[in-house]
């Protein structure tokens, strides 16, 4: 019978927590620079390359959903970056995934 191996505490994966809606609202307002109308999709550019994604605000519930954008840590969590609005930006999926855990921005992703 095969043995079941358990991971040591230092090898267990970090469980991500949901980013609070107040922080999401701060990010969208920082990129959009206007008050958000209810039930409207707002075009917002990627922080790194400028491709456009959309933010949706579901009025009464007050939840902000993102389409074509992800919340990216400027200083990655694995390098000690906090999950606060000053360390977060809205980035498209290719930019967010290509940066990975690196702190430096690859030259092709720098904003023009």
Protein backbone atom coordinates (compact mmCIF):
# COMPACT_ATOMS: atom_id res chain seq x y z
CA UNK A 1 0.00 0.00 0.00
CA UNK A 2 1.46 3.41 -0.98
CA UNK A 3 2.27 5.90 1.75
CA UNK A 4 0.60 9.29 1.78
CA UNK A 5 3.08 12.11 2.14
CA UNK A 6 2.09 15.26 3.95
CA UNK A 7 3.68 18.60 3.29
CA UNK A 8 5.58 20.42 5.97
CA UNK A 9 3.99 23.74 6.99
CA UNK A 10 6.64 25.74 5.11
CA UNK A 11 5.82 23.83 1.87
CA UNK A 12 2.07 24.36 1.96
CA UNK A 13 0.77 26.84 -0.57
CA UNK A 14 -0.26 30.30 0.54
CA UNK A 15 -4.02 30.72 0.43
CA UNK A 16 -4.98 33.96 -1.28
CA UNK A 17 -7.66 36.14 0.24
CA UNK A 18 -10.22 38.17 -1.67
CA UNK A 19 -9.24 41.79 -2.20
CA UNK A 20 -11.76 43.96 -0.34
CA UNK A 21 -14.29 45.86 -2.42
CA UNK A 22 -13.14 49.20 -1.00
CA UNK A 23 -9.66 48.50 -2.42
CA UNK A 24 -11.17 47.47 -5.78
CA UNK A 25 -13.15 50.73 -5.85
CA UNK A 26 -9.98 52.73 -5.10
CA UNK A 27 -8.16 51.03 -8.00
CA UNK A 28 -10.96 51.65 -10.49
CA UNK A 29 -11.35 55.29 -9.42
CA UNK A 30 -7.58 55.80 -9.70
CA UNK A 31 -7.62 54.51 -13.31
CA UNK A 32 -10.99 55.99 -14.35
CA UNK A 33 -10.71 59.34 -12.47
CA UNK A 34 -14.49 59.91 -12.39
CA UNK A 35 -17.36 58.77 -10.15
CA UNK A 36 -18.75 55.40 -11.19
CA UNK A 37 -22.26 55.29 -12.66
CA UNK A 38 -24.31 52.27 -11.58
CA UNK A 39 -24.66 49.22 -13.85
CA UNK A 40 -22.29 50.57 -16.50
CA UNK A 41 -19.15 49.07 -18.00
CA UNK A 42 -16.17 51.41 -17.91
CA UNK A 43 -13.19 51.07 -20.25
CA UNK A 44 -9.92 51.05 -18.28
CA UNK A 45 -6.42 50.64 -19.76
CA UNK A 46 -3.88 48.08 -18.56
CA UNK A 47 -1.30 49.74 -16.32
CA UNK A 48 1.64 48.15 -18.18
CA UNK A 49 0.72 48.02 -21.90
CA UNK A 50 -2.43 50.14 -22.28
CA UNK A 51 -4.75 47.48 -23.73
CA UNK A 52 -8.35 48.13 -22.69
CA UNK A 53 -10.39 46.06 -20.25
CA UNK A 54 -13.67 46.84 -18.48
CA UNK A 55 -14.86 47.38 -14.93
CA UNK A 56 -18.49 46.77 -13.98
CA UNK A 57 -20.08 48.18 -10.84
CA UNK A 58 -23.15 46.34 -9.61
CA UNK A 59 -24.88 49.28 -7.88
CA UNK A 60 -26.78 48.13 -4.79
CA UNK A 61 -24.44 45.29 -3.89
CA UNK A 62 -21.53 47.61 -4.60
CA UNK A 63 -19.34 44.83 -6.06
CA UNK A 64 -16.88 45.66 -8.82
CA UNK A 65 -16.23 43.01 -11.45
CA UNK A 66 -13.37 43.15 -13.96
CA UNK A 67 -13.39 41.87 -17.54
CA UNK A 68 -10.10 41.61 -19.41
CA UNK A 69 -8.22 42.96 -16.39
CA UNK A 70 -6.69 41.45 -13.27
CA UNK A 71 -5.45 43.02 -10.07
CA UNK A 72 -1.66 42.89 -10.12
CA UNK A 73 0.76 43.43 -7.22
CA UNK A 74 3.58 45.81 -8.17
CA UNK A 75 5.76 44.19 -5.49
CA UNK A 76 4.67 40.52 -5.57
CA UNK A 77 3.15 38.93 -2.47
CA UNK A 78 5.91 36.29 -2.40
CA UNK A 79 8.49 39.09 -2.06
CA UNK A 80 6.58 40.67 0.83
CA UNK A 81 4.37 43.07 -1.14
CA UNK A 82 1.26 44.06 0.82
CA UNK A 83 -2.28 43.85 -0.54
CA UNK A 84 -2.99 47.57 -0.27
CA UNK A 85 -4.17 50.00 -2.95
CA UNK A 86 -0.75 51.64 -3.28
CA UNK A 87 0.83 48.30 -4.27
CA UNK A 88 -1.95 47.21 -6.67
CA UNK A 89 -2.62 48.08 -10.31
CA UNK A 90 -5.08 46.89 -12.96
CA UNK A 91 -3.29 44.85 -15.64
CA UNK A 92 -4.38 42.66 -18.55
CA UNK A 93 -3.86 38.93 -18.13
CA UNK A 94 -0.83 38.62 -20.46
CA UNK A 95 1.04 41.41 -18.63
CA UNK A 96 0.14 40.08 -15.18
CA UNK A 97 1.13 36.50 -16.03
CA UNK A 98 4.35 37.42 -17.84
CA UNK A 99 5.63 39.37 -14.83
CA UNK A 100 5.10 36.41 -12.53
CA UNK A 101 6.91 36.85 -9.23
CA UNK A 102 9.42 39.39 -10.59
CA UNK A 103 9.50 42.87 -9.13
CA UNK A 104 11.11 44.54 -12.16
CA UNK A 105 8.96 45.22 -15.19
CA UNK A 106 10.22 43.59 -18.40
CA UNK A 107 11.18 46.24 -21.02
CA UNK A 108 8.42 45.26 -23.45
CA UNK A 109 5.78 45.91 -20.79
CA UNK A 110 6.90 49.39 -19.83
CA UNK A 111 4.33 52.05 -20.47
CA UNK A 112 5.04 54.31 -23.44
